[in-house]
Every structure is written in C-alpha cells, then in structure tokens.
C-alpha cells in the first residue's frame, strides 16, 4: 500500500512540475510576443525618422524580455522559440504599417504590450539592476543589428 501511495505522490509531483514549467514558458512566450510588438512599433517610428523613439522602445522591450530570461532559467530550445516569437511580432507590426493595416486593434495591441512590459520591468527590477551590465552588450548588439536591417530595407 505504501508503494502505491508513493507512486501517486510522485505522479502528482510530476504533474505539478510539468504544469509549472508550462506556465513559466507561457510567460516567456507572452513577453517575447509583446517585446516584438513594441520593437515593431518602434521600427515604424524609425521608418518615420524618429530614431530616438525606436531606441527607447527597443530598450524597454529588451530590458523586460531579458529580465525574464535571466530570472527564469530557461532551456536553449525555449529561448530559441521565444526569440522566433519576438521576431515574428516585429515583422507583424512592420507589415501592418507597410500594408496600411495599422488599425485601432493593432494600436490597442501595442498599448497593451507596453503595459505588460512595464509590469515586467517593475517585477524584474532587481534582476535588471543586478544583470544589466551582463546583457548590455547583447542588448546594444541586438538594437544595432535591427537598426542596420531597418536602414537596409
């Protein structure tokens, strides 16, 4: 009887850990999506000649996104997927602008994402302060690469 009880306890523990891992990955994916939306919106500003707005948007987006990455202990596969989500949403917002489909709904998504990222910045403030020197080069390189791509196209 004890072995059945141990088996059931182990099963419940595994189910709990699996659910927790999915919830954490979902948080990362949602932050990546919003970071992409905000960077995409900043890219539109860049196209319109406002490089400072792009810099500010990218800084906010990457700081929030990286604060979760540094706090979360994610695997490489999870990070790769999240980066793809981020990039896809940058493209989505730029495409909406280029095709004149930057609707009120898209605008509301941008505003909602700024709110989500602001919440993450507040929640991850300690991680940001403690790790900003570690990721400064990564963030600066990523922003520089995006600017190069935006200037080329």
N, C-alpha and C. Protein backbone atom coordinates (compact mmCIF):
# COMPACT_ATOMS: atom_id res chain seq x y z
N UNK A 1 0.82 -1.19 0.00
CA UNK A 1 0.00 0.00 0.00
C UNK A 1 0.86 1.26 0.00
N UNK A 2 2.01 1.19 0.72
CA UNK A 2 2.89 2.35 0.76
C UNK A 2 3.44 2.68 -0.62
N UNK A 3 3.75 1.65 -1.41
CA UNK A 3 4.32 1.91 -2.73
C UNK A 3 3.31 2.57 -3.66
N UNK A 4 2.04 2.24 -3.53
CA UNK A 4 1.00 2.89 -4.34
C UNK A 4 0.87 4.35 -3.92
N UNK A 5 0.91 4.61 -2.62
CA UNK A 5 0.84 5.99 -2.13
C UNK A 5 2.03 6.80 -2.61
N UNK A 6 3.22 6.20 -2.60
CA UNK A 6 4.42 6.88 -3.08
C UNK A 6 4.33 7.13 -4.58
N UNK A 7 3.80 6.17 -5.30
CA UNK A 7 3.64 6.32 -6.74
C UNK A 7 2.67 7.45 -7.07
N UNK A 8 1.57 7.51 -6.35
CA UNK A 8 0.57 8.56 -6.58
C UNK A 8 1.17 9.92 -6.23
N UNK A 9 1.89 10.00 -5.12
CA UNK A 9 2.54 11.26 -4.73
C UNK A 9 3.55 11.70 -5.78
N UNK A 10 4.34 10.77 -6.27
CA UNK A 10 5.32 11.08 -7.30
C UNK A 10 4.63 11.55 -8.58
N UNK A 11 3.55 10.89 -8.95
CA UNK A 11 2.79 11.26 -10.13
C UNK A 11 2.24 12.68 -10.01
N UNK A 12 1.66 13.00 -8.87
CA UNK A 12 1.14 14.36 -8.65
C UNK A 12 2.26 15.39 -8.68
N UNK A 13 3.40 15.07 -8.10
CA UNK A 13 4.54 15.98 -8.11
C UNK A 13 5.01 16.23 -9.54
N UNK A 14 5.09 15.20 -10.34
CA UNK A 14 5.50 15.35 -11.74
C UNK A 14 4.49 16.18 -12.53
N UNK A 15 3.21 15.96 -12.30
CA UNK A 15 2.17 16.76 -12.97
C UNK A 15 2.27 18.23 -12.58
N UNK A 16 2.50 18.49 -11.28
CA UNK A 16 2.64 19.87 -10.81
C UNK A 16 3.85 20.54 -11.46
N UNK A 17 4.99 19.85 -11.46
CA UNK A 17 6.20 20.44 -12.06
C UNK A 17 6.02 20.68 -13.55
N UNK A 18 5.34 19.78 -14.22
CA UNK A 18 5.08 19.95 -15.65
C UNK A 18 4.20 21.17 -15.89
N UNK A 19 3.16 21.33 -15.08
CA UNK A 19 2.27 22.49 -15.22
C UNK A 19 3.02 23.78 -14.93
N UNK A 20 3.86 23.77 -13.92
CA UNK A 20 4.65 24.96 -13.57
C UNK A 20 5.59 25.33 -14.70
N UNK A 21 6.25 24.34 -15.30
CA UNK A 21 7.17 24.62 -16.41
C UNK A 21 6.42 25.21 -17.60
N UNK A 22 5.21 24.69 -17.89
CA UNK A 22 4.41 25.23 -18.99
C UNK A 22 4.00 26.67 -18.71
N UNK A 23 3.64 26.96 -17.46
CA UNK A 23 3.24 28.33 -17.10
C UNK A 23 4.42 29.28 -17.24
N UNK A 24 5.60 28.85 -16.84
CA UNK A 24 6.79 29.70 -16.98
C UNK A 24 7.12 29.94 -18.45
N UNK A 25 7.04 28.90 -19.26
CA UNK A 25 7.32 29.04 -20.68
C UNK A 25 6.28 29.95 -21.34
N UNK A 26 5.04 29.85 -20.91
CA UNK A 26 3.99 30.71 -21.45
C UNK A 26 4.29 32.18 -21.11
N UNK A 27 4.78 32.43 -19.91
CA UNK A 27 5.13 33.80 -19.53
C UNK A 27 6.24 34.33 -20.43
N UNK A 28 7.26 33.52 -20.67
CA UNK A 28 8.35 33.92 -21.55
C UNK A 28 7.84 34.20 -22.96
N UNK A 29 7.01 33.31 -23.47
CA UNK A 29 6.47 33.49 -24.81
C UNK A 29 5.63 34.76 -24.93
N UNK A 30 4.82 35.04 -23.91
CA UNK A 30 4.00 36.25 -23.93
C UNK A 30 4.86 37.51 -23.86
N UNK A 31 5.92 37.48 -23.06
CA UNK A 31 6.83 38.62 -23.01
C UNK A 31 7.55 38.80 -24.33
N UNK A 32 7.95 37.70 -24.94
CA UNK A 32 8.61 37.77 -26.25
C UNK A 32 7.66 38.37 -27.29
N UNK A 33 6.41 37.95 -27.25
CA UNK A 33 5.42 38.47 -28.20
C UNK A 33 5.26 39.98 -28.01
N UNK A 34 5.13 40.41 -26.78
CA UNK A 34 4.96 41.85 -26.53
C UNK A 34 6.23 42.62 -26.84
N UNK A 35 7.38 42.06 -26.54
CA UNK A 35 8.63 42.74 -26.89
C UNK A 35 8.70 42.94 -28.40
N UNK A 36 8.29 41.93 -29.15
CA UNK A 36 8.27 42.05 -30.61
C UNK A 36 7.32 43.11 -31.10
N UNK A 37 6.15 43.20 -30.49
CA UNK A 37 5.17 44.21 -30.87
C UNK A 37 5.72 45.61 -30.61
N UNK A 38 6.33 45.81 -29.45
CA UNK A 38 6.87 47.13 -29.09
C UNK A 38 8.06 47.49 -29.98
N UNK A 39 8.93 46.53 -30.24
CA UNK A 39 10.06 46.80 -31.14
C UNK A 39 9.55 47.07 -32.56
N UNK A 40 8.53 46.33 -32.98
CA UNK A 40 7.92 46.58 -34.29
C UNK A 40 7.36 47.98 -34.37
N UNK A 41 6.68 48.42 -33.32
CA UNK A 41 6.13 49.78 -33.30
C UNK A 41 7.26 50.81 -33.31
N UNK A 42 8.31 50.53 -32.57
CA UNK A 42 9.48 51.41 -32.61
C UNK A 42 10.12 51.44 -33.98
N UNK A 43 10.07 50.33 -34.68
CA UNK A 43 10.60 50.27 -36.04
C UNK A 43 9.82 51.17 -36.99
N UNK A 44 8.52 51.23 -36.78
CA UNK A 44 7.69 52.14 -37.57
C UNK A 44 8.12 53.58 -37.30
N UNK A 45 8.35 53.90 -36.04
CA UNK A 45 8.86 55.24 -35.69
C UNK A 45 10.19 55.50 -36.39
N UNK A 46 11.04 54.49 -36.41
CA UNK A 46 12.35 54.62 -37.07
C UNK A 46 12.17 54.95 -38.55
N UNK A 47 11.27 54.21 -39.21
CA UNK A 47 10.98 54.47 -40.62
C UNK A 47 10.50 55.89 -40.85
N UNK A 48 9.80 56.43 -39.85
CA UNK A 48 9.25 57.78 -39.97
C UNK A 48 10.27 58.84 -39.54
N UNK A 49 11.51 58.42 -39.26
CA UNK A 49 12.57 59.36 -38.95
C UNK A 49 12.82 59.61 -37.47
N UNK A 50 12.15 58.87 -36.59
CA UNK A 50 12.31 59.09 -35.16
C UNK A 50 13.14 57.95 -34.54
N UNK A 51 14.45 58.06 -34.70
CA UNK A 51 15.35 57.01 -34.21
C UNK A 51 15.33 56.92 -32.69
N UNK A 52 15.16 58.03 -31.99
CA UNK A 52 15.14 58.01 -30.52
C UNK A 52 13.96 57.20 -29.99
N UNK A 53 12.82 57.31 -30.63
CA UNK A 53 11.66 56.51 -30.20
C UNK A 53 11.93 55.03 -30.40
N UNK A 54 12.60 54.69 -31.48
CA UNK A 54 12.99 53.30 -31.70
C UNK A 54 13.92 52.83 -30.58
N UNK A 55 14.94 53.64 -30.28
CA UNK A 55 15.89 53.28 -29.22
C UNK A 55 15.18 53.05 -27.89
N UNK A 56 14.25 53.95 -27.56
CA UNK A 56 13.52 53.83 -26.30
C UNK A 56 12.65 52.57 -26.29
N UNK A 57 11.94 52.32 -27.37
CA UNK A 57 11.08 51.13 -27.45
C UNK A 57 11.90 49.85 -27.34
N UNK A 58 13.01 49.80 -28.07
CA UNK A 58 13.86 48.61 -28.04
C UNK A 58 14.46 48.41 -26.65
N UNK A 59 14.86 49.49 -26.01
CA UNK A 59 15.43 49.39 -24.68
C UNK A 59 14.41 48.85 -23.68
N UNK A 60 13.20 49.36 -23.73
CA UNK A 60 12.13 48.88 -22.84
C UNK A 60 11.85 47.40 -23.12
N UNK A 61 11.69 47.07 -24.39
CA UNK A 61 11.33 45.70 -24.76
C UNK A 61 12.41 44.70 -24.37
N UNK A 62 13.65 45.00 -24.72
CA UNK A 62 14.74 44.06 -24.40
C UNK A 62 14.98 43.97 -22.90
N UNK A 63 14.87 45.07 -22.18
CA UNK A 63 15.08 45.02 -20.73
C UNK A 63 14.04 44.12 -20.06
N UNK A 64 12.79 44.26 -20.44
CA UNK A 64 11.73 43.42 -19.86
C UNK A 64 11.94 41.95 -20.25
N UNK A 65 12.20 41.72 -21.51
CA UNK A 65 12.39 40.36 -22.02
C UNK A 65 13.59 39.69 -21.36
N UNK A 66 14.71 40.39 -21.32
CA UNK A 66 15.91 39.80 -20.74
C UNK A 66 15.80 39.61 -19.23
N UNK A 67 15.00 40.45 -18.56
CA UNK A 67 14.84 40.25 -17.12
C UNK A 67 14.17 38.91 -16.84
N UNK A 68 13.26 38.50 -17.69
CA UNK A 68 12.62 37.20 -17.52
C UNK A 68 13.59 36.07 -17.89
N UNK A 69 14.35 36.26 -18.94
CA UNK A 69 15.31 35.23 -19.34
C UNK A 69 16.32 34.98 -18.22
N UNK A 70 16.86 36.05 -17.64
CA UNK A 70 17.87 35.89 -16.61
C UNK A 70 17.28 35.33 -15.31
N UNK A 71 16.02 35.58 -15.05
CA UNK A 71 15.39 35.09 -13.82
C UNK A 71 14.82 33.69 -13.99
N UNK A 72 14.52 33.29 -15.23
CA UNK A 72 13.73 32.09 -15.45
C UNK A 72 14.47 30.77 -15.55
N UNK A 73 15.73 30.77 -15.91
CA UNK A 73 16.45 29.51 -16.07
C UNK A 73 15.88 28.64 -17.18
N UNK A 74 15.63 29.22 -18.34
CA UNK A 74 15.04 28.51 -19.46
C UNK A 74 16.08 27.73 -20.24
N UNK A 75 15.62 26.68 -20.92
CA UNK A 75 16.48 25.91 -21.78
C UNK A 75 16.68 26.59 -23.13
N UNK A 76 17.69 26.17 -23.85
CA UNK A 76 18.01 26.76 -25.16
C UNK A 76 16.85 26.66 -26.13
N UNK A 77 16.14 25.55 -26.13
CA UNK A 77 15.02 25.38 -27.05
C UNK A 77 13.91 26.39 -26.75
N UNK A 78 13.61 26.59 -25.47
CA UNK A 78 12.60 27.58 -25.09
C UNK A 78 13.02 28.98 -25.52
N UNK A 79 14.30 29.30 -25.35
CA UNK A 79 14.79 30.63 -25.73
C UNK A 79 14.75 30.82 -27.24
N UNK A 80 15.06 29.77 -27.97
CA UNK A 80 15.02 29.85 -29.43
C UNK A 80 13.60 30.12 -29.92
N UNK A 81 12.64 29.42 -29.36
CA UNK A 81 11.23 29.63 -29.74
C UNK A 81 10.79 31.04 -29.37
N UNK A 82 11.14 31.49 -28.18
CA UNK A 82 10.76 32.84 -27.74
C UNK A 82 11.36 33.90 -28.67
N UNK A 83 12.61 33.71 -29.07
CA UNK A 83 13.24 34.66 -30.00
C UNK A 83 12.50 34.68 -31.34
N UNK A 84 12.04 33.52 -31.79
CA UNK A 84 11.27 33.46 -33.03
C UNK A 84 9.93 34.18 -32.88
N UNK A 85 9.31 34.04 -31.73
CA UNK A 85 8.05 34.74 -31.47
C UNK A 85 8.29 36.25 -31.50
N UNK A 86 9.36 36.69 -30.84
CA UNK A 86 9.70 38.11 -30.83
C UNK A 86 9.88 38.63 -32.25
N UNK A 87 10.70 37.94 -33.02
CA UNK A 87 10.95 38.37 -34.41
C UNK A 87 9.71 38.37 -35.27
N UNK A 88 8.87 37.37 -35.08
CA UNK A 88 7.63 37.29 -35.85
C UNK A 88 6.71 38.46 -35.57
N UNK A 89 6.67 38.90 -34.32
CA UNK A 89 5.80 40.03 -33.99
C UNK A 89 6.38 41.36 -34.44
N UNK A 90 7.70 41.48 -34.49
CA UNK A 90 8.30 42.67 -35.10
C UNK A 90 7.83 42.77 -36.55
N UNK A 91 7.97 41.66 -37.25
CA UNK A 91 7.55 41.62 -38.67
C UNK A 91 6.05 41.91 -38.83
N UNK A 92 5.24 41.38 -37.92
CA UNK A 92 3.79 41.58 -37.99
C UNK A 92 3.43 43.06 -37.92
N UNK A 93 4.05 43.79 -37.00
CA UNK A 93 3.73 45.21 -36.83
C UNK A 93 4.25 46.01 -38.02
N UNK A 94 5.45 45.72 -38.47
CA UNK A 94 6.00 46.42 -39.64
C UNK A 94 5.13 46.15 -40.86
N UNK A 95 4.71 44.92 -41.02
CA UNK A 95 3.84 44.55 -42.14
C UNK A 95 2.51 45.29 -42.07
N UNK A 96 1.95 45.40 -40.89
CA UNK A 96 0.68 46.14 -40.73
C UNK A 96 0.86 47.59 -41.15
N UNK A 97 1.97 48.18 -40.79
CA UNK A 97 2.25 49.56 -41.18
C UNK A 97 2.43 49.67 -42.70
N UNK A 98 3.26 48.77 -43.26
CA UNK A 98 3.56 48.83 -44.70
C UNK A 98 2.34 48.57 -45.58
N UNK A 99 1.41 47.77 -45.09
CA UNK A 99 0.23 47.44 -45.89
C UNK A 99 -0.97 48.32 -45.53
N UNK A 100 -0.70 49.36 -44.76
CA UNK A 100 -1.74 50.30 -44.32
C UNK A 100 -2.85 49.61 -43.55
N UNK A 101 -2.47 48.59 -42.79
CA UNK A 101 -3.42 47.86 -41.93
C UNK A 101 -3.12 48.08 -40.46
N UNK A 102 -2.49 49.20 -40.15
CA UNK A 102 -2.21 49.54 -38.75
C UNK A 102 -3.49 50.13 -38.17
N UNK A 103 -4.37 49.24 -37.77
CA UNK A 103 -5.72 49.60 -37.33
C UNK A 103 -5.75 49.97 -35.85
N UNK A 104 -6.91 50.34 -35.40
CA UNK A 104 -7.11 50.62 -33.97
C UNK A 104 -6.83 49.38 -33.14
N UNK A 105 -7.14 48.20 -33.66
CA UNK A 105 -6.86 46.96 -32.94
C UNK A 105 -5.35 46.74 -32.78
N UNK A 106 -4.60 47.05 -33.82
CA UNK A 106 -3.14 46.92 -33.75
C UNK A 106 -2.61 47.92 -32.73
N UNK A 107 -3.14 49.14 -32.77
CA UNK A 107 -2.73 50.16 -31.82
C UNK A 107 -3.01 49.71 -30.39
N UNK A 108 -4.17 49.13 -30.15
CA UNK A 108 -4.53 48.64 -28.82
C UNK A 108 -3.59 47.52 -28.38
N UNK A 109 -3.17 46.68 -29.33
CA UNK A 109 -2.21 45.62 -29.01
C UNK A 109 -0.88 46.23 -28.58
N UNK A 110 -0.44 47.27 -29.27
CA UNK A 110 0.81 47.95 -28.92
C UNK A 110 0.71 48.53 -27.51
N UNK A 111 -0.38 49.22 -27.23
CA UNK A 111 -0.58 49.82 -25.91
C UNK A 111 -0.60 48.74 -24.83
N UNK A 112 -1.32 47.66 -25.09
CA UNK A 112 -1.38 46.56 -24.13
C UNK A 112 -0.01 45.95 -23.87
N UNK A 113 0.79 45.87 -24.92
CA UNK A 113 2.13 45.31 -24.76
C UNK A 113 3.04 46.24 -23.97
N UNK A 114 2.90 47.54 -24.19
CA UNK A 114 3.67 48.47 -23.35
C UNK A 114 3.30 48.28 -21.88
N UNK A 115 2.03 48.07 -21.60
CA UNK A 115 1.59 47.84 -20.21
C UNK A 115 2.19 46.55 -19.66
N UNK A 116 2.15 45.49 -20.44
CA UNK A 116 2.70 44.21 -19.99
C UNK A 116 4.19 44.31 -19.72
N UNK A 117 4.89 45.01 -20.61
CA UNK A 117 6.33 45.15 -20.43
C UNK A 117 6.64 46.03 -19.22
N UNK A 118 5.83 47.06 -18.99
CA UNK A 118 6.03 47.91 -17.82
C UNK A 118 5.85 47.10 -16.53
N UNK A 119 4.86 46.23 -16.53
CA UNK A 119 4.65 45.36 -15.37
C UNK A 119 5.86 44.47 -15.15
N UNK A 120 6.38 43.90 -16.22
CA UNK A 120 7.56 43.05 -16.11
C UNK A 120 8.77 43.84 -15.64
N UNK A 121 8.92 45.07 -16.10
CA UNK A 121 10.03 45.91 -15.66
C UNK A 121 9.96 46.15 -14.15
N UNK A 122 8.75 46.36 -13.63
CA UNK A 122 8.60 46.57 -12.19
C UNK A 122 8.86 45.27 -11.42
N UNK A 123 8.32 44.16 -11.92
CA UNK A 123 8.53 42.87 -11.25
C UNK A 123 9.98 42.42 -11.32
N UNK A 124 10.63 42.72 -12.42
CA UNK A 124 12.01 42.26 -12.62
C UNK A 124 13.05 43.31 -12.32
N UNK A 125 12.69 44.34 -11.58
CA UNK A 125 13.62 45.45 -11.32
C UNK A 125 14.92 44.98 -10.70
N UNK A 126 14.85 44.10 -9.74
CA UNK A 126 16.08 43.62 -9.09
C UNK A 126 16.95 42.85 -10.08
N UNK A 127 16.34 42.00 -10.87
CA UNK A 127 17.09 41.25 -11.88
C UNK A 127 17.73 42.20 -12.88
N UNK A 128 16.98 43.22 -13.28
CA UNK A 128 17.51 44.20 -14.24
C UNK A 128 18.71 44.92 -13.65
N UNK A 129 18.59 45.40 -12.43
CA UNK A 129 19.68 46.13 -11.79
C UNK A 129 20.90 45.23 -11.62
N UNK A 130 20.68 44.00 -11.20
CA UNK A 130 21.79 43.09 -10.93
C UNK A 130 22.47 42.55 -12.18
N UNK A 131 21.77 42.56 -13.32
CA UNK A 131 22.31 41.91 -14.51
C UNK A 131 22.50 42.82 -15.71
N UNK A 132 22.16 44.09 -15.60
CA UNK A 132 22.20 44.95 -16.77
C UNK A 132 23.59 45.04 -17.39
N UNK A 133 24.64 44.96 -16.59
CA UNK A 133 25.98 45.01 -17.17
C UNK A 133 26.28 43.73 -17.95
N UNK A 134 25.68 42.61 -17.56
CA UNK A 134 25.90 41.34 -18.25
C UNK A 134 25.24 41.32 -19.62
N UNK A 135 24.10 41.98 -19.76
CA UNK A 135 23.39 41.90 -21.03
C UNK A 135 23.47 43.18 -21.84
N UNK A 136 24.18 44.19 -21.34
CA UNK A 136 24.28 45.45 -22.08
C UNK A 136 24.82 45.22 -23.49
N UNK A 137 25.88 44.46 -23.61
CA UNK A 137 26.46 44.20 -24.92
C UNK A 137 25.48 43.46 -25.83
N UNK A 138 24.80 42.47 -25.29
CA UNK A 138 23.80 41.72 -26.07
C UNK A 138 22.69 42.65 -26.55
N UNK A 139 22.18 43.48 -25.64
CA UNK A 139 21.10 44.40 -25.99
C UNK A 139 21.57 45.43 -27.02
N UNK A 140 22.74 46.01 -26.79
CA UNK A 140 23.26 47.00 -27.73
C UNK A 140 23.51 46.40 -29.11
N UNK A 141 24.03 45.17 -29.14
CA UNK A 141 24.28 44.49 -30.41
C UNK A 141 22.96 44.20 -31.12
N UNK A 142 21.96 43.74 -30.39
CA UNK A 142 20.66 43.44 -30.99
C UNK A 142 20.01 44.70 -31.55
N UNK A 143 20.06 45.78 -30.81
CA UNK A 143 19.48 47.04 -31.27
C UNK A 143 20.23 47.55 -32.50
N UNK A 144 21.54 47.47 -32.47
CA UNK A 144 22.36 47.88 -33.61
C UNK A 144 22.06 47.05 -34.85
N UNK A 145 21.89 45.75 -34.67
CA UNK A 145 21.58 44.88 -35.81
C UNK A 145 20.22 45.22 -36.38
N UNK A 146 19.24 45.46 -35.51
CA UNK A 146 17.90 45.84 -36.01
C UNK A 146 17.97 47.16 -36.78
N UNK A 147 18.71 48.13 -36.28
CA UNK A 147 18.83 49.40 -36.99
C UNK A 147 19.46 49.21 -38.37
N UNK A 148 20.48 48.35 -38.41
CA UNK A 148 21.12 48.08 -39.71
C UNK A 148 20.13 47.48 -40.68
N UNK A 149 19.32 46.53 -40.19
CA UNK A 149 18.31 45.90 -41.05
C UNK A 149 17.26 46.91 -41.49
N UNK A 150 16.85 47.78 -40.59
CA UNK A 150 15.83 48.79 -40.93
C UNK A 150 16.36 49.79 -41.94
N UNK A 151 17.62 50.15 -41.79
CA UNK A 151 18.21 51.10 -42.75
C UNK A 151 18.34 50.48 -44.14
N UNK A 152 18.55 49.18 -44.18
CA UNK A 152 18.76 48.50 -45.46
C UNK A 152 17.45 48.31 -46.21
N UNK A 153 16.36 48.31 -45.53
CA UNK A 153 15.15 47.96 -46.22
C UNK A 153 14.10 48.97 -46.19
